[in-house]
């Protein structure tokens, strides 16, 4: 999987790495049980500090999306992804509220905002179909 990192972005690198791995899982580009590079290898590949990669991996581990084993290394959660339970929904609401507020302040109406959300959601899911066709060839 190609990690999308922008060293000039205002978004911290660990957060970009976290987001890139999450999108890989969501799009099925990263499947349950797939291995990720070690902290050292990922840092070297991206040209970033090992602590940056370690921070992203630790957050993903706390959220339940990856497992870190001494022998197996870093793997995408092989069992079950974390559920969309009440604490997650509260967190999601807290993250969306300022985005929606800003969109309203900038003049986006509900339909425009929902259209953007729907497009992003579909783009991520469609990329799985594209990846499946590429892998099967």
N, C-alpha and C. Protein backbone atom coordinates (compact mmCIF):
# COMPACT_ATOMS: atom_id res chain seq x y z
N UNK A 1 0.85 -1.18 0.00
CA UNK A 1 0.00 0.00 0.00
C UNK A 1 0.89 1.24 0.00
N UNK A 2 0.51 2.20 -0.79
CA UNK A 2 1.24 3.44 -0.87
C UNK A 2 0.72 4.39 0.20
N UNK A 3 1.61 4.82 1.10
CA UNK A 3 1.23 5.75 2.16
C UNK A 3 1.27 7.17 1.61
N UNK A 4 0.23 7.93 1.90
CA UNK A 4 0.14 9.31 1.41
C UNK A 4 0.56 10.25 2.54
N UNK A 5 1.78 10.78 2.43
CA UNK A 5 2.31 11.68 3.45
C UNK A 5 2.76 12.96 2.76
N UNK A 6 2.31 14.10 3.28
CA UNK A 6 2.71 15.40 2.76
C UNK A 6 3.52 16.11 3.83
N UNK A 7 4.82 16.18 3.63
CA UNK A 7 5.71 16.77 4.64
C UNK A 7 5.48 18.28 4.79
N UNK A 8 4.80 18.91 3.86
CA UNK A 8 4.52 20.35 3.92
C UNK A 8 3.16 20.66 4.55
N UNK A 9 2.38 19.63 4.84
CA UNK A 9 1.03 19.82 5.36
C UNK A 9 1.05 20.32 6.81
N UNK A 10 -0.02 21.00 7.18
CA UNK A 10 -0.20 21.43 8.57
C UNK A 10 -0.64 20.26 9.45
N UNK A 11 -1.13 19.18 8.82
CA UNK A 11 -1.56 17.99 9.57
C UNK A 11 -0.32 17.23 10.01
N UNK A 12 -0.21 16.91 11.30
CA UNK A 12 0.98 16.19 11.78
C UNK A 12 1.19 14.88 11.01
N UNK A 13 2.44 14.53 10.80
CA UNK A 13 2.78 13.34 10.01
C UNK A 13 2.18 12.08 10.61
N UNK A 14 2.22 11.94 11.95
CA UNK A 14 1.64 10.75 12.57
C UNK A 14 0.16 10.64 12.26
N UNK A 15 -0.53 11.79 12.20
CA UNK A 15 -1.97 11.79 11.89
C UNK A 15 -2.20 11.42 10.43
N UNK A 16 -1.35 11.93 9.54
CA UNK A 16 -1.46 11.57 8.12
C UNK A 16 -1.25 10.07 7.94
N UNK A 17 -0.26 9.52 8.64
CA UNK A 17 0.01 8.09 8.55
C UNK A 17 -1.18 7.29 9.09
N UNK A 18 -1.69 7.70 10.23
CA UNK A 18 -2.88 7.08 10.82
C UNK A 18 -4.03 7.10 9.82
N UNK A 19 -4.29 8.27 9.24
CA UNK A 19 -5.40 8.42 8.30
C UNK A 19 -5.20 7.55 7.06
N UNK A 20 -3.98 7.47 6.57
CA UNK A 20 -3.68 6.68 5.38
C UNK A 20 -3.91 5.19 5.64
N UNK A 21 -3.50 4.71 6.80
CA UNK A 21 -3.71 3.30 7.15
C UNK A 21 -5.20 3.03 7.33
N UNK A 22 -5.90 3.96 7.99
CA UNK A 22 -7.36 3.79 8.16
C UNK A 22 -8.07 3.72 6.82
N UNK A 23 -7.66 4.57 5.87
CA UNK A 23 -8.29 4.54 4.55
C UNK A 23 -7.96 3.23 3.84
N UNK A 24 -6.75 2.73 4.04
CA UNK A 24 -6.38 1.44 3.46
C UNK A 24 -7.24 0.31 4.00
N UNK A 25 -7.54 0.35 5.29
CA UNK A 25 -8.40 -0.66 5.90
C UNK A 25 -9.83 -0.51 5.38
N UNK A 26 -10.32 0.74 5.36
CA UNK A 26 -11.70 1.00 4.93
C UNK A 26 -11.92 0.61 3.47
N UNK A 27 -10.91 0.82 2.64
CA UNK A 27 -11.05 0.51 1.21
C UNK A 27 -10.72 -0.95 0.90
N UNK A 28 -10.36 -1.71 1.94
CA UNK A 28 -10.01 -3.13 1.82
C UNK A 28 -8.67 -3.34 1.11
N UNK A 29 -7.91 -2.27 0.92
CA UNK A 29 -6.56 -2.40 0.38
C UNK A 29 -5.67 -3.10 1.41
N UNK A 30 -5.99 -2.88 2.68
CA UNK A 30 -5.34 -3.59 3.78
C UNK A 30 -6.39 -4.50 4.40
N UNK A 31 -6.15 -5.79 4.35
CA UNK A 31 -7.11 -6.78 4.84
C UNK A 31 -6.74 -7.25 6.23
N UNK A 32 -7.71 -7.78 6.98
CA UNK A 32 -7.41 -8.35 8.29
C UNK A 32 -6.28 -9.38 8.19
N UNK A 33 -5.31 -9.22 9.08
CA UNK A 33 -4.17 -10.13 9.11
C UNK A 33 -2.99 -9.68 8.26
N UNK A 34 -3.19 -8.67 7.39
CA UNK A 34 -2.08 -8.16 6.58
C UNK A 34 -1.02 -7.55 7.49
N UNK A 35 0.22 -7.72 7.11
CA UNK A 35 1.34 -7.14 7.86
C UNK A 35 1.61 -5.71 7.40
N UNK A 36 2.01 -4.90 8.35
CA UNK A 36 2.52 -3.57 8.06
C UNK A 36 4.02 -3.59 8.32
N UNK A 37 4.77 -2.68 7.72
CA UNK A 37 6.20 -2.63 7.99
C UNK A 37 6.47 -2.34 9.47
N UNK A 38 7.62 -2.76 9.93
CA UNK A 38 8.03 -2.43 11.29
C UNK A 38 8.13 -0.92 11.41
N UNK A 39 8.17 -0.44 12.65
CA UNK A 39 8.31 0.99 12.89
C UNK A 39 9.56 1.51 12.19
N UNK A 40 10.65 0.79 12.36
CA UNK A 40 11.93 1.20 11.77
C UNK A 40 11.85 1.24 10.24
N UNK A 41 11.27 0.20 9.63
CA UNK A 41 11.18 0.12 8.18
C UNK A 41 10.26 1.21 7.63
N UNK A 42 9.11 1.41 8.28
CA UNK A 42 8.17 2.43 7.82
C UNK A 42 8.81 3.82 7.91
N UNK A 43 9.49 4.09 9.01
CA UNK A 43 10.14 5.39 9.19
C UNK A 43 11.20 5.60 8.11
N UNK A 44 11.97 4.57 7.84
CA UNK A 44 13.00 4.66 6.81
C UNK A 44 12.38 4.88 5.43
N UNK A 45 11.33 4.13 5.11
CA UNK A 45 10.66 4.26 3.81
C UNK A 45 10.09 5.66 3.60
N UNK A 46 9.54 6.23 4.67
CA UNK A 46 8.89 7.54 4.56
C UNK A 46 9.85 8.70 4.80
N UNK A 47 11.01 8.39 5.36
CA UNK A 47 11.97 9.44 5.68
C UNK A 47 11.54 10.28 6.86
N UNK A 48 10.92 9.62 7.86
CA UNK A 48 10.46 10.32 9.05
C UNK A 48 11.05 9.66 10.29
N UNK A 49 10.88 10.31 11.41
CA UNK A 49 11.38 9.80 12.69
C UNK A 49 10.60 8.55 13.11
N UNK A 50 11.31 7.60 13.73
CA UNK A 50 10.66 6.37 14.21
C UNK A 50 9.57 6.67 15.23
N UNK A 51 9.76 7.72 16.05
CA UNK A 51 8.76 8.06 17.06
C UNK A 51 7.45 8.49 16.42
N UNK A 52 7.54 9.09 15.24
CA UNK A 52 6.34 9.51 14.51
C UNK A 52 5.52 8.30 14.09
N UNK A 53 6.20 7.30 13.52
CA UNK A 53 5.52 6.07 13.10
C UNK A 53 4.99 5.34 14.32
N UNK A 54 5.80 5.27 15.37
CA UNK A 54 5.38 4.58 16.59
C UNK A 54 4.11 5.22 17.16
N UNK A 55 4.02 6.54 17.13
CA UNK A 55 2.84 7.23 17.65
C UNK A 55 1.60 6.85 16.84
N UNK A 56 1.72 6.83 15.51
CA UNK A 56 0.58 6.44 14.67
C UNK A 56 0.17 5.01 14.96
N UNK A 57 1.14 4.10 15.06
CA UNK A 57 0.85 2.70 15.34
C UNK A 57 0.20 2.53 16.72
N UNK A 58 0.68 3.25 17.70
CA UNK A 58 0.12 3.13 19.06
C UNK A 58 -1.33 3.60 19.09
N UNK A 59 -1.63 4.68 18.38
CA UNK A 59 -3.02 5.16 18.33
C UNK A 59 -3.91 4.13 17.64
N UNK A 60 -3.44 3.58 16.52
CA UNK A 60 -4.22 2.55 15.81
C UNK A 60 -4.41 1.32 16.69
N UNK A 61 -3.42 0.98 17.48
CA UNK A 61 -3.53 -0.17 18.40
C UNK A 61 -4.58 0.14 19.48
N UNK A 62 -4.52 1.33 20.06
CA UNK A 62 -5.49 1.72 21.09
C UNK A 62 -6.92 1.72 20.54
N UNK A 63 -7.06 2.11 19.28
CA UNK A 63 -8.38 2.15 18.66
C UNK A 63 -8.86 0.75 18.25
N UNK A 64 -7.96 -0.23 18.26
CA UNK A 64 -8.33 -1.60 17.95
C UNK A 64 -8.20 -2.00 16.48
N UNK A 65 -7.48 -1.21 15.68
CA UNK A 65 -7.37 -1.50 14.25
C UNK A 65 -6.13 -2.31 13.88
N UNK A 66 -5.13 -2.31 14.74
CA UNK A 66 -3.95 -3.13 14.49
C UNK A 66 -3.55 -3.86 15.77
N UNK A 67 -2.75 -4.89 15.58
CA UNK A 67 -2.14 -5.59 16.71
C UNK A 67 -0.64 -5.50 16.52
N UNK A 68 0.07 -5.39 17.63
CA UNK A 68 1.52 -5.35 17.60
C UNK A 68 2.03 -6.53 18.41
N UNK A 69 2.70 -7.47 17.71
CA UNK A 69 3.23 -8.67 18.35
C UNK A 69 4.75 -8.60 18.31
N UNK A 70 5.37 -9.15 19.33
CA UNK A 70 6.84 -9.18 19.34
C UNK A 70 7.37 -10.05 18.20
N UNK A 71 6.72 -11.18 17.92
CA UNK A 71 7.20 -12.08 16.88
C UNK A 71 6.58 -11.80 15.52
N UNK A 72 5.28 -11.54 15.47
CA UNK A 72 4.59 -11.35 14.20
C UNK A 72 4.74 -9.94 13.64
N UNK A 73 5.10 -9.00 14.47
CA UNK A 73 5.20 -7.61 14.03
C UNK A 73 3.85 -6.91 14.08
N UNK A 74 3.66 -5.98 13.19
CA UNK A 74 2.44 -5.17 13.16
C UNK A 74 1.49 -5.75 12.11
N UNK A 75 0.27 -6.09 12.53
CA UNK A 75 -0.72 -6.65 11.61
C UNK A 75 -2.06 -5.94 11.76
N UNK A 76 -2.77 -5.88 10.66
CA UNK A 76 -4.14 -5.35 10.70
C UNK A 76 -4.97 -6.32 11.53
N UNK A 77 -5.81 -5.78 12.39
CA UNK A 77 -6.65 -6.59 13.29
C UNK A 77 -7.21 -7.80 12.54
N UNK A 78 -6.77 -9.02 12.91
CA UNK A 78 -7.22 -10.20 12.18
C UNK A 78 -8.61 -10.69 12.59
N UNK A 79 -9.06 -10.30 13.75
CA UNK A 79 -10.34 -10.80 14.25
C UNK A 79 -11.50 -9.94 13.77
N UNK A 80 -11.84 -8.97 14.56
CA UNK A 80 -13.01 -8.14 14.27
C UNK A 80 -12.64 -6.68 14.45
N UNK A 81 -13.06 -5.85 13.51
CA UNK A 81 -12.83 -4.41 13.63
C UNK A 81 -13.67 -3.86 14.78
N UNK A 82 -13.19 -2.79 15.39
CA UNK A 82 -13.96 -2.18 16.48
C UNK A 82 -15.36 -1.77 16.00
N UNK A 83 -16.36 -1.94 16.84
CA UNK A 83 -17.73 -1.60 16.42
C UNK A 83 -18.01 -0.10 16.48
N UNK A 84 -19.06 0.31 15.81
CA UNK A 84 -19.53 1.69 15.89
C UNK A 84 -20.45 1.78 17.10
N UNK A 85 -19.86 1.67 18.29
CA UNK A 85 -20.64 1.68 19.53
C UNK A 85 -20.90 3.12 19.98
N UNK A 86 -21.55 3.26 21.12
CA UNK A 86 -21.94 4.58 21.62
C UNK A 86 -20.75 5.50 21.84
N UNK A 87 -19.66 5.05 22.47
CA UNK A 87 -18.51 5.95 22.62
C UNK A 87 -17.95 6.42 21.26
N UNK A 88 -17.91 5.51 20.28
CA UNK A 88 -17.43 5.91 18.96
C UNK A 88 -18.35 6.95 18.34
N UNK A 89 -19.66 6.73 18.43
CA UNK A 89 -20.61 7.68 17.85
C UNK A 89 -20.50 9.06 18.51
N UNK A 90 -20.26 9.08 19.82
CA UNK A 90 -20.06 10.35 20.52
C UNK A 90 -18.79 11.04 20.02
N UNK A 91 -17.73 10.26 19.84
CA UNK A 91 -16.48 10.80 19.33
C UNK A 91 -16.66 11.33 17.90
N UNK A 92 -17.34 10.56 17.07
CA UNK A 92 -17.59 10.97 15.69
C UNK A 92 -18.38 12.28 15.66
N UNK A 93 -19.39 12.38 16.50
CA UNK A 93 -20.20 13.59 16.57
C UNK A 93 -19.33 14.78 16.97
N UNK A 94 -18.45 14.56 17.95
CA UNK A 94 -17.56 15.63 18.40
C UNK A 94 -16.60 16.09 17.31
N UNK A 95 -16.17 15.17 16.45
CA UNK A 95 -15.25 15.52 15.37
C UNK A 95 -15.98 16.20 14.21
N UNK A 96 -17.21 15.78 13.96
CA UNK A 96 -17.98 16.34 12.85
C UNK A 96 -18.55 17.73 13.16
N UNK A 97 -18.89 17.96 14.42
CA UNK A 97 -19.55 19.22 14.79
C UNK A 97 -18.78 20.47 14.32
N UNK A 98 -17.47 20.57 14.60
CA UNK A 98 -16.76 21.77 14.13
C UNK A 98 -16.64 21.82 12.60
N UNK A 99 -16.55 20.67 11.94
CA UNK A 99 -16.49 20.66 10.47
C UNK A 99 -17.80 21.16 9.88
N UNK A 100 -18.91 20.72 10.45
CA UNK A 100 -20.22 21.16 9.97
C UNK A 100 -20.42 22.64 10.26
N UNK A 101 -19.99 23.08 11.44
CA UNK A 101 -20.11 24.49 11.80
C UNK A 101 -19.33 25.37 10.81
N UNK A 102 -18.11 24.95 10.48
CA UNK A 102 -17.31 25.71 9.53
C UNK A 102 -17.97 25.72 8.15
N UNK A 103 -18.49 24.57 7.74
CA UNK A 103 -19.15 24.48 6.43
C UNK A 103 -20.34 25.44 6.37
N UNK A 104 -21.11 25.51 7.45
CA UNK A 104 -22.27 26.42 7.51
C UNK A 104 -21.79 27.87 7.44
N UNK A 105 -20.74 28.18 8.20
CA UNK A 105 -20.21 29.55 8.20
C UNK A 105 -19.72 29.96 6.81
N UNK A 106 -19.23 28.98 6.04
CA UNK A 106 -18.72 29.27 4.70
C UNK A 106 -19.82 29.22 3.63
N UNK A 107 -21.06 28.97 4.06
CA UNK A 107 -22.19 29.05 3.15
C UNK A 107 -22.62 27.73 2.52
N UNK A 108 -22.05 26.61 2.95
CA UNK A 108 -22.50 25.32 2.42
C UNK A 108 -23.86 24.99 3.01
N UNK A 109 -24.76 24.53 2.17
CA UNK A 109 -26.03 24.09 2.73
C UNK A 109 -25.95 22.58 3.01
N UNK A 110 -26.99 22.07 3.63
CA UNK A 110 -27.00 20.67 4.06
C UNK A 110 -26.79 19.72 2.88
N UNK A 111 -27.46 19.98 1.77
CA UNK A 111 -27.34 19.10 0.61
C UNK A 111 -25.92 19.07 0.08
N UNK A 112 -25.26 20.23 0.01
CA UNK A 112 -23.88 20.27 -0.47
C UNK A 112 -22.96 19.48 0.46
N UNK A 113 -23.15 19.68 1.76
CA UNK A 113 -22.31 18.98 2.73
C UNK A 113 -22.51 17.48 2.63
N UNK A 114 -23.76 17.06 2.59
CA UNK A 114 -24.06 15.63 2.50
C UNK A 114 -23.56 15.03 1.19
N UNK A 115 -23.61 15.80 0.12
CA UNK A 115 -23.12 15.33 -1.18
C UNK A 115 -21.61 15.07 -1.10
N UNK A 116 -20.88 15.96 -0.45
CA UNK A 116 -19.43 15.77 -0.27
C UNK A 116 -19.16 14.52 0.56
N UNK A 117 -19.90 14.36 1.65
CA UNK A 117 -19.74 13.18 2.51
C UNK A 117 -20.03 11.90 1.73
N UNK A 118 -21.11 11.92 0.98
CA UNK A 118 -21.50 10.74 0.21
C UNK A 118 -20.44 10.39 -0.84
N UNK A 119 -19.91 11.41 -1.51
CA UNK A 119 -18.89 11.19 -2.53
C UNK A 119 -17.64 10.57 -1.91
N UNK A 120 -17.18 11.11 -0.80
CA UNK A 120 -16.00 10.57 -0.13
C UNK A 120 -16.23 9.13 0.32
N UNK A 121 -17.38 8.88 0.90
CA UNK A 121 -17.73 7.53 1.36
C UNK A 121 -17.70 6.55 0.19
N UNK A 122 -18.33 6.94 -0.90
CA UNK A 122 -18.38 6.08 -2.09
C UNK A 122 -17.02 5.91 -2.74
N UNK A 123 -16.21 6.98 -2.77
CA UNK A 123 -14.87 6.88 -3.34
C UNK A 123 -14.03 5.85 -2.61
N UNK A 124 -14.10 5.86 -1.29
CA UNK A 124 -13.33 4.90 -0.50
C UNK A 124 -13.83 3.48 -0.75
N UNK A 125 -15.13 3.29 -0.79
CA UNK A 125 -15.67 1.96 -1.04
C UNK A 125 -15.42 1.50 -2.47
N UNK A 126 -15.48 2.41 -3.43
CA UNK A 126 -15.24 2.04 -4.83
C UNK A 126 -13.79 1.64 -5.05
N UNK A 127 -12.88 2.24 -4.31
CA UNK A 127 -11.47 1.90 -4.51
C UNK A 127 -11.23 0.43 -4.18
N UNK A 128 -12.08 -0.16 -3.33
CA UNK A 128 -11.97 -1.59 -3.05
C UNK A 128 -12.28 -2.40 -4.29
N UNK A 129 -13.32 -2.00 -5.02
CA UNK A 129 -13.68 -2.71 -6.24
C UNK A 129 -12.56 -2.64 -7.27
N UNK A 130 -11.93 -1.48 -7.38
CA UNK A 130 -10.82 -1.31 -8.31
C UNK A 130 -9.65 -2.18 -7.88
N UNK A 131 -9.34 -2.17 -6.59
CA UNK A 131 -8.21 -2.96 -6.08
C UNK A 131 -8.48 -4.44 -6.27
N UNK A 132 -9.72 -4.87 -6.07
CA UNK A 132 -10.05 -6.29 -6.24
C UNK A 132 -9.84 -6.73 -7.68
N UNK A 133 -10.26 -5.90 -8.62
CA UNK A 133 -10.11 -6.25 -10.03
C UNK A 133 -8.62 -6.29 -10.41
N UNK A 134 -7.82 -5.37 -9.87
CA UNK A 134 -6.38 -5.33 -10.18
C UNK A 134 -5.70 -6.59 -9.62
N UNK A 135 -6.03 -6.97 -8.40
CA UNK A 135 -5.41 -8.13 -7.75
C UNK A 135 -5.80 -9.42 -8.45
N UNK A 136 -7.01 -9.50 -8.99
CA UNK A 136 -7.50 -10.72 -9.61
C UNK A 136 -6.96 -10.94 -11.03
N UNK A 137 -6.34 -9.92 -11.61
CA UNK A 137 -5.81 -10.06 -12.98
C UNK A 137 -4.51 -10.80 -13.01
